Amino acid sequence: MAHSILQSRNAVAAYITKDGSEIRELLHPDRDALRHQSLAEAVVPPGVATLLHRHRRSEEIYHITRGQGLMTLGDARFPVGVGDSVAILPGTPHCIENTGAEPLYILCCCAPPYAHDDTELL
Protein backbone atom coordinates (compact mmCIF):
# COMPACT_ATOMS: atom_id res chain seq x y z
CA MET A 1 0.00 0.00 0.00
CA ALA A 2 1.33 3.45 -0.94
CA HIS A 3 1.67 5.97 1.88
CA SER A 4 0.63 9.58 1.34
CA ILE A 5 3.03 12.49 1.69
CA LEU A 6 0.28 15.14 1.56
CA GLN A 7 -2.83 15.01 3.73
CA SER A 8 -5.76 17.43 3.69
CA ARG A 9 -7.27 18.17 7.11
CA ASN A 10 -10.78 17.86 5.71
CA ALA A 11 -10.04 14.38 4.33
CA VAL A 12 -9.34 13.01 7.82
CA ALA A 13 -12.24 11.94 10.03
CA ALA A 14 -12.28 13.20 13.62
CA TYR A 15 -12.61 10.84 16.60
CA ILE A 16 -12.61 11.13 20.40
CA THR A 17 -9.45 9.99 22.22
CA LYS A 18 -9.19 8.51 25.71
CA ASP A 19 -8.61 11.99 27.20
CA GLY A 20 -11.93 13.23 25.77
CA SER A 21 -10.65 15.59 23.08
CA GLU A 22 -11.73 15.52 19.45
CA ILE A 23 -8.74 14.53 17.31
CA ARG A 24 -7.87 14.45 13.64
CA GLU A 25 -4.74 12.41 12.92
CA LEU A 26 -3.30 14.70 10.24
CA LEU A 27 -0.26 12.50 9.65
CA HIS A 28 0.36 9.06 11.16
CA PRO A 29 2.67 6.16 10.19
CA ASP A 30 -0.28 3.78 9.99
CA ARG A 31 -1.41 5.71 6.91
CA ASP A 32 1.24 8.23 5.82
CA ALA A 33 4.90 8.46 4.82
CA LEU A 34 6.23 8.81 8.40
CA ARG A 35 8.05 6.40 10.66
CA HIS A 36 8.79 8.03 14.03
CA GLN A 37 6.14 10.66 14.80
CA SER A 38 2.53 11.67 14.36
CA LEU A 39 0.76 15.00 13.99
CA ALA A 40 -2.82 15.59 15.09
CA GLU A 41 -5.19 18.49 15.58
CA ALA A 42 -7.15 18.49 18.84
CA VAL A 43 -10.26 20.59 19.44
CA VAL A 44 -11.49 21.29 22.97
CA PRO A 45 -14.88 23.05 23.27
CA PRO A 46 -15.34 26.12 25.51
CA GLY A 47 -15.56 25.25 29.21
CA VAL A 48 -14.32 21.68 28.68
CA ALA A 49 -11.15 20.09 30.07
CA THR A 50 -9.44 16.95 28.80
CA LEU A 51 -8.97 14.13 31.30
CA LEU A 52 -5.69 14.03 33.22
CA HIS A 53 -3.48 11.46 31.53
CA ARG A 54 0.09 10.53 30.63
CA HIS A 55 1.92 8.66 27.90
CA ARG A 56 4.50 6.10 29.00
CA ARG A 57 6.52 6.12 25.76
CA SER A 58 5.64 9.20 23.71
CA GLU A 59 6.90 12.69 24.20
CA GLU A 60 4.42 15.24 22.96
CA ILE A 61 4.35 18.84 21.81
CA TYR A 62 1.19 20.95 22.07
CA HIS A 63 1.11 24.04 19.86
CA ILE A 64 -1.91 26.34 20.31
CA THR A 65 -3.28 27.64 16.99
CA ARG A 66 -6.64 29.09 18.14
CA GLY A 67 -8.19 29.91 21.50
CA GLN A 68 -6.89 29.97 25.04
CA GLY A 69 -6.63 27.53 27.87
CA LEU A 70 -5.18 26.47 31.19
CA MET A 71 -2.49 23.80 30.91
CA THR A 72 -1.76 21.33 33.70
CA LEU A 73 1.70 19.78 33.34
CA GLY A 74 2.84 17.75 36.34
CA ASP A 75 2.48 20.06 39.36
CA ALA A 76 2.41 23.23 37.22
CA ARG A 77 -0.69 25.05 35.93
CA PHE A 78 -0.34 27.95 33.52
CA PRO A 79 -2.31 29.83 30.85
CA VAL A 80 -1.67 29.12 27.17
CA GLY A 81 -2.77 30.93 24.03
CA VAL A 82 -2.17 31.28 20.31
CA GLY A 83 1.47 30.73 19.41
CA ASP A 84 2.41 28.93 22.64
CA SER A 85 4.11 25.53 22.50
CA VAL A 86 4.31 23.10 25.44
CA ALA A 87 6.85 20.25 25.75
CA ILE A 88 5.35 17.19 27.47
CA LEU A 89 7.91 14.54 28.45
CA PRO A 90 6.98 10.84 28.67
CA GLY A 91 5.32 9.95 31.96
CA THR A 92 4.27 13.53 32.77
CA PRO A 93 0.62 13.91 33.83
CA HIS A 94 -1.15 16.54 31.74
CA CYS A 95 -4.48 17.96 30.66
CA ILE A 96 -5.78 21.19 29.19
CA GLU A 97 -8.91 23.22 29.87
CA ASN A 98 -10.47 25.60 27.38
CA THR A 99 -10.95 28.85 29.34
CA GLY A 100 -12.16 30.91 26.37
CA ALA A 101 -15.45 31.46 24.58
CA GLU A 102 -14.32 29.77 21.32
CA PRO A 103 -13.02 26.25 20.59
CA LEU A 104 -9.38 25.65 21.54
CA TYR A 105 -7.31 24.23 18.65
CA ILE A 106 -4.05 22.42 19.39
CA LEU A 107 -1.53 20.79 17.07
CA CYS A 108 -0.16 17.71 18.84
CA CYS A 109 3.06 16.07 17.71
CA CYS A 110 3.97 12.70 19.27
CA ALA A 111 7.19 10.71 19.01
CA PRO A 112 6.90 7.78 18.93
CA PRO A 113 3.53 8.17 17.20
CA TYR A 114 0.29 8.43 19.18
CA ALA A 115 -1.21 5.10 20.26
CA HIS A 116 -4.28 4.51 22.45
CA ASP A 117 -2.44 1.85 24.45
CA ASP A 118 0.23 4.41 25.41
CA THR A 119 -2.39 6.68 27.05
CA GLU A 120 -3.00 6.10 30.76
CA LEU A 121 -5.89 7.96 32.40
CA LEU A 122 -5.09 9.20 35.90
C-alpha atoms as a PDB file:
ATOM      1  CA  MET A   1       0.000   0.000   0.000  1.00  0.00           C
ATOM      2  CA  ALA A   2       1.335   3.447  -0.935  1.00  0.00           C
ATOM      3  CA  HIS A   3       1.672   5.970   1.876  1.00  0.00           C
ATOM      4  CA  SER A   4       0.632   9.576   1.340  1.00  0.00           C
ATOM      5  CA  ILE A   5       3.026  12.493   1.690  1.00  0.00           C
ATOM      6  CA  LEU A   6       0.280  15.136   1.563  1.00  0.00           C
ATOM      7  CA  GLN A   7      -2.826  15.014   3.726  1.00  0.00           C
ATOM      8  CA  SER A   8      -5.761  17.431   3.686  1.00  0.00           C
ATOM      9  CA  ARG A   9      -7.271  18.175   7.106  1.00  0.00           C
ATOM     10  CA  ASN A  10     -10.777  17.859   5.711  1.00  0.00           C
ATOM     11  CA  ALA A  11     -10.044  14.376   4.331  1.00  0.00           C
ATOM     12  CA  VAL A  12      -9.337  13.012   7.817  1.00  0.00           C
ATOM     13  CA  ALA A  13     -12.237  11.939  10.034  1.00  0.00           C
ATOM     14  CA  ALA A  14     -12.281  13.196  13.621  1.00  0.00           C
ATOM     15  CA  TYR A  15     -12.605  10.840  16.599  1.00  0.00           C
ATOM     16  CA  ILE A  16     -12.614  11.129  20.403  1.00  0.00           C
ATOM     17  CA  THR A  17      -9.452   9.991  22.218  1.00  0.00           C
ATOM     18  CA  LYS A  18      -9.192   8.508  25.710  1.00  0.00           C
ATOM     19  CA  ASP A  19      -8.615  11.989  27.205  1.00  0.00           C
ATOM     20  CA  GLY A  20     -11.930  13.228  25.775  1.00  0.00           C
ATOM     21  CA  SER A  21     -10.646  15.587  23.084  1.00  0.00           C
ATOM     22  CA  GLU A  22     -11.735  15.515  19.449  1.00  0.00           C
ATOM     23  CA  ILE A  23      -8.736  14.526  17.313  1.00  0.00           C
ATOM     24  CA  ARG A  24      -7.875  14.446  13.638  1.00  0.00           C
ATOM     25  CA  GLU A  25      -4.739  12.415  12.920  1.00  0.00           C
ATOM     26  CA  LEU A  26      -3.304  14.705  10.243  1.00  0.00           C
ATOM     27  CA  LEU A  27      -0.256  12.502   9.655  1.00  0.00           C
ATOM     28  CA  HIS A  28       0.364   9.058  11.163  1.00  0.00           C
ATOM     29  CA  PRO A  29       2.671   6.164  10.194  1.00  0.00           C
ATOM     30  CA  ASP A  30      -0.283   3.785   9.990  1.00  0.00           C
ATOM     31  CA  ARG A  31      -1.407   5.707   6.910  1.00  0.00           C
ATOM     32  CA  ASP A  32       1.235   8.229   5.815  1.00  0.00           C
ATOM     33  CA  ALA A  33       4.904   8.459   4.823  1.00  0.00           C
ATOM     34  CA  LEU A  34       6.227   8.811   8.396  1.00  0.00           C
ATOM     35  CA  ARG A  35       8.051   6.401  10.658  1.00  0.00           C
ATOM     36  CA  HIS A  36       8.793   8.029  14.033  1.00  0.00           C
ATOM     37  CA  GLN A  37       6.139  10.659  14.800  1.00  0.00           C
ATOM     38  CA  SER A  38       2.527  11.670  14.358  1.00  0.00           C
ATOM     39  CA  LEU A  39       0.757  15.004  13.989  1.00  0.00           C
ATOM     40  CA  ALA A  40      -2.823  15.585  15.090  1.00  0.00           C
ATOM     41  CA  GLU A  41      -5.189  18.490  15.581  1.00  0.00           C
ATOM     42  CA  ALA A  42      -7.149  18.486  18.841  1.00  0.00           C
ATOM     43  CA  VAL A  43     -10.256  20.592  19.436  1.00  0.00           C
ATOM     44  CA  VAL A  44     -11.489  21.291  22.971  1.00  0.00           C
ATOM     45  CA  PRO A  45     -14.881  23.048  23.270  1.00  0.00           C
ATOM     46  CA  PRO A  46     -15.341  26.120  25.510  1.00  0.00           C
ATOM     47  CA  GLY A  47     -15.557  25.252  29.211  1.00  0.00           C
ATOM     48  CA  VAL A  48     -14.318  21.681  28.678  1.00  0.00           C
ATOM     49  CA  ALA A  49     -11.147  20.089  30.073  1.00  0.00           C
ATOM     50  CA  THR A  50      -9.445  16.950  28.797  1.00  0.00           C
ATOM     51  CA  LEU A  51      -8.975  14.133  31.301  1.00  0.00           C
ATOM     52  CA  LEU A  52      -5.693  14.035  33.218  1.00  0.00           C
ATOM     53  CA  HIS A  53      -3.484  11.457  31.534  1.00  0.00           C
ATOM     54  CA  ARG A  54       0.088  10.533  30.627  1.00  0.00           C
ATOM     55  CA  HIS A  55       1.916   8.664  27.902  1.00  0.00           C
ATOM     56  CA  ARG A  56       4.496   6.102  29.003  1.00  0.00           C
ATOM     57  CA  ARG A  57       6.522   6.125  25.758  1.00  0.00           C
ATOM     58  CA  SER A  58       5.642   9.205  23.709  1.00  0.00           C
ATOM     59  CA  GLU A  59       6.901  12.695  24.204  1.00  0.00           C
ATOM     60  CA  GLU A  60       4.416  15.239  22.965  1.00  0.00           C
ATOM     61  CA  ILE A  61       4.349  18.842  21.814  1.00  0.00           C
ATOM     62  CA  TYR A  62       1.188  20.948  22.067  1.00  0.00           C
ATOM     63  CA  HIS A  63       1.110  24.038  19.862  1.00  0.00           C
ATOM     64  CA  ILE A  64      -1.910  26.336  20.312  1.00  0.00           C
ATOM     65  CA  THR A  65      -3.280  27.636  16.992  1.00  0.00           C
ATOM     66  CA  ARG A  66      -6.639  29.086  18.140  1.00  0.00           C
ATOM     67  CA  GLY A  67      -8.195  29.907  21.496  1.00  0.00           C
ATOM     68  CA  GLN A  68      -6.892  29.967  25.039  1.00  0.00           C
ATOM     69  CA  GLY A  69      -6.627  27.530  27.869  1.00  0.00           C
ATOM     70  CA  LEU A  70      -5.179  26.472  31.186  1.00  0.00           C
ATOM     71  CA  MET A  71      -2.489  23.795  30.911  1.00  0.00           C
ATOM     72  CA  THR A  72      -1.759  21.328  33.699  1.00  0.00           C
ATOM     73  CA  LEU A  73       1.695  19.784  33.342  1.00  0.00           C
ATOM     74  CA  GLY A  74       2.842  17.752  36.339  1.00  0.00           C
ATOM     75  CA  ASP A  75       2.482  20.056  39.358  1.00  0.00           C
ATOM     76  CA  ALA A  76       2.412  23.232  37.219  1.00  0.00           C
ATOM     77  CA  ARG A  77      -0.691  25.049  35.927  1.00  0.00           C
ATOM     78  CA  PHE A  78      -0.336  27.950  33.516  1.00  0.00           C
ATOM     79  CA  PRO A  79      -2.311  29.830  30.854  1.00  0.00           C
ATOM     80  CA  VAL A  80      -1.670  29.123  27.172  1.00  0.00           C
ATOM     81  CA  GLY A  81      -2.769  30.928  24.035  1.00  0.00           C
ATOM     82  CA  VAL A  82      -2.173  31.278  20.308  1.00  0.00           C
ATOM     83  CA  GLY A  83       1.470  30.734  19.411  1.00  0.00           C
ATOM     84  CA  ASP A  84       2.406  28.934  22.638  1.00  0.00           C
ATOM     85  CA  SER A  85       4.110  25.528  22.504  1.00  0.00           C
ATOM     86  CA  VAL A  86       4.314  23.100  25.437  1.00  0.00           C
ATOM     87  CA  ALA A  87       6.846  20.252  25.749  1.00  0.00           C
ATOM     88  CA  ILE A  88       5.355  17.185  27.467  1.00  0.00           C
ATOM     89  CA  LEU A  89       7.908  14.542  28.449  1.00  0.00           C
ATOM     90  CA  PRO A  90       6.983  10.838  28.665  1.00  0.00           C
ATOM     91  CA  GLY A  91       5.322   9.947  31.964  1.00  0.00           C
ATOM     92  CA  THR A  92       4.275  13.534  32.773  1.00  0.00           C
ATOM     93  CA  PRO A  93       0.619  13.910  33.830  1.00  0.00           C
ATOM     94  CA  HIS A  94      -1.151  16.536  31.735  1.00  0.00           C
ATOM     95  CA  CYS A  95      -4.480  17.962  30.661  1.00  0.00           C
ATOM     96  CA  ILE A  96      -5.777  21.193  29.194  1.00  0.00           C
ATOM     97  CA  GLU A  97      -8.914  23.223  29.868  1.00  0.00           C
ATOM     98  CA  ASN A  98     -10.474  25.604  27.376  1.00  0.00           C
ATOM     99  CA  THR A  99     -10.949  28.852  29.336  1.00  0.00           C
ATOM    100  CA  GLY A 100     -12.156  30.907  26.371  1.00  0.00           C
ATOM    101  CA  ALA A 101     -15.452  31.455  24.581  1.00  0.00           C
ATOM    102  CA  GLU A 102     -14.318  29.772  21.321  1.00  0.00           C
ATOM    103  CA  PRO A 103     -13.020  26.249  20.589  1.00  0.00           C
ATOM    104  CA  LEU A 104      -9.376  25.654  21.537  1.00  0.00           C
ATOM    105  CA  TYR A 105      -7.310  24.230  18.645  1.00  0.00           C
ATOM    106  CA  ILE A 106      -4.047  22.421  19.389  1.00  0.00           C
ATOM    107  CA  LEU A 107      -1.531  20.792  17.068  1.00  0.00           C
ATOM    108  CA  CYS A 108      -0.158  17.708  18.838  1.00  0.00           C
ATOM    109  CA  CYS A 109       3.061  16.074  17.708  1.00  0.00           C
ATOM    110  CA  CYS A 110       3.965  12.699  19.269  1.00  0.00           C
ATOM    111  CA  ALA A 111       7.186  10.713  19.005  1.00  0.00           C
ATOM    112  CA  PRO A 112       6.902   7.780  18.932  1.00  0.00           C
ATOM    113  CA  PRO A 113       3.526   8.172  17.198  1.00  0.00           C
ATOM    114  CA  TYR A 114       0.288   8.429  19.175  1.00  0.00           C
ATOM    115  CA  ALA A 115      -1.207   5.101  20.261  1.00  0.00           C
ATOM    116  CA  HIS A 116      -4.284   4.513  22.446  1.00  0.00           C
ATOM    117  CA  ASP A 117      -2.438   1.847  24.449  1.00  0.00           C
ATOM    118  CA  ASP A 118       0.230   4.413  25.410  1.00  0.00           C
ATOM    119  CA  THR A 119      -2.395   6.676  27.054  1.00  0.00           C
ATOM    120  CA  GLU A 120      -2.997   6.097  30.765  1.00  0.00           C
ATOM    121  CA  LEU A 121      -5.893   7.962  32.398  1.00  0.00           C
ATOM    122  CA  LEU A 122      -5.093   9.197  35.905  1.00  0.00           C
END
